[in-house]
């Protein structure tokens, strides 16, 4: 399968549109490595949380992108 991220606001609404990444990853580790590098940019684009999917199956989420204070 391929792993993808769903980008959401804090109320679980999908964040979509031009400029939003649509990468697919061959492994969960690749997807998690990417989100570790991209989360700050995603926050700036209005993404509050993400969910990881393996095909149609949700692996986990929602996971907040906001730093713990």
Protein backbone atom coordinates (compact mmCIF):
# COMPACT_ATOMS: atom_id res chain seq x y z
CA UNK A 1 0.00 0.00 0.00
CA UNK A 2 0.95 3.65 -0.01
CA UNK A 3 0.91 6.01 2.93
CA UNK A 4 -0.63 9.47 2.73
CA UNK A 5 -1.38 12.30 5.13
CA UNK A 6 -4.77 13.99 5.55
CA UNK A 7 -4.37 17.63 6.56
CA UNK A 8 -7.03 19.09 8.87
CA UNK A 9 -8.05 22.12 10.89
CA UNK A 10 -8.65 21.71 14.62
CA UNK A 11 -12.31 20.81 13.98
CA UNK A 12 -11.25 17.93 11.66
CA UNK A 13 -12.21 19.73 8.44
CA UNK A 14 -9.93 18.82 5.55
CA UNK A 15 -7.41 21.41 4.41
CA UNK A 16 -7.11 21.17 0.64
CA UNK A 17 -6.33 23.39 -2.25
CA UNK A 18 -3.56 24.65 -4.43
CA UNK A 19 -0.14 24.29 -2.93
CA UNK A 20 -1.06 21.54 -0.46
CA UNK A 21 1.31 18.58 -0.73
CA UNK A 22 -0.06 15.33 -2.11
CA UNK A 23 2.89 13.04 -1.60
CA UNK A 24 2.49 9.28 -1.36
CA UNK A 25 5.04 7.29 0.59
CA UNK A 26 6.05 3.63 0.19
CA UNK A 27 6.51 3.08 3.94
CA UNK A 28 5.17 4.48 7.20
CA UNK A 29 8.71 5.47 8.18
CA UNK A 30 9.07 7.55 5.00
CA UNK A 31 5.75 9.31 5.69
CA UNK A 32 6.70 10.03 9.29
CA UNK A 33 10.14 11.30 8.30
CA UNK A 34 8.53 13.69 5.81
CA UNK A 35 6.01 15.08 8.33
CA UNK A 36 8.90 15.64 10.74
CA UNK A 37 10.42 17.99 8.19
CA UNK A 38 7.23 19.59 6.83
CA UNK A 39 5.09 20.28 9.92
CA UNK A 40 6.17 23.92 10.37
CA UNK A 41 5.29 24.78 6.77
CA UNK A 42 1.96 23.00 7.13
CA UNK A 43 1.14 25.02 10.27
CA UNK A 44 1.81 28.22 8.32
CA UNK A 45 -0.66 27.01 5.67
CA UNK A 46 -3.45 26.55 8.23
CA UNK A 47 -3.06 22.86 9.06
CA UNK A 48 -3.60 22.12 12.75
CA UNK A 49 -3.51 18.33 12.74
CA UNK A 50 -2.86 15.35 10.49
CA UNK A 51 -4.01 11.76 10.08
CA UNK A 52 -1.89 9.03 8.50
CA UNK A 53 -3.54 6.57 6.09
CA UNK A 54 -2.33 3.31 4.58
CA UNK A 55 -4.54 3.18 1.52
CA UNK A 56 -8.06 3.67 2.92
CA UNK A 57 -7.16 2.48 6.43
CA UNK A 58 -6.43 5.12 9.05
CA UNK A 59 -3.17 4.25 10.82
CA UNK A 60 -3.43 7.00 13.44
CA UNK A 61 -4.61 10.49 14.12
CA UNK A 62 -5.49 13.11 14.65
CA UNK A 63 -1.98 14.22 15.57
CA UNK A 64 -1.58 17.89 16.42
CA UNK A 65 1.14 19.87 14.66
CA UNK A 66 1.21 22.50 17.40
CA UNK A 67 4.22 22.39 19.72
CA UNK A 68 3.54 21.38 23.30
CA UNK A 69 3.94 24.39 25.56
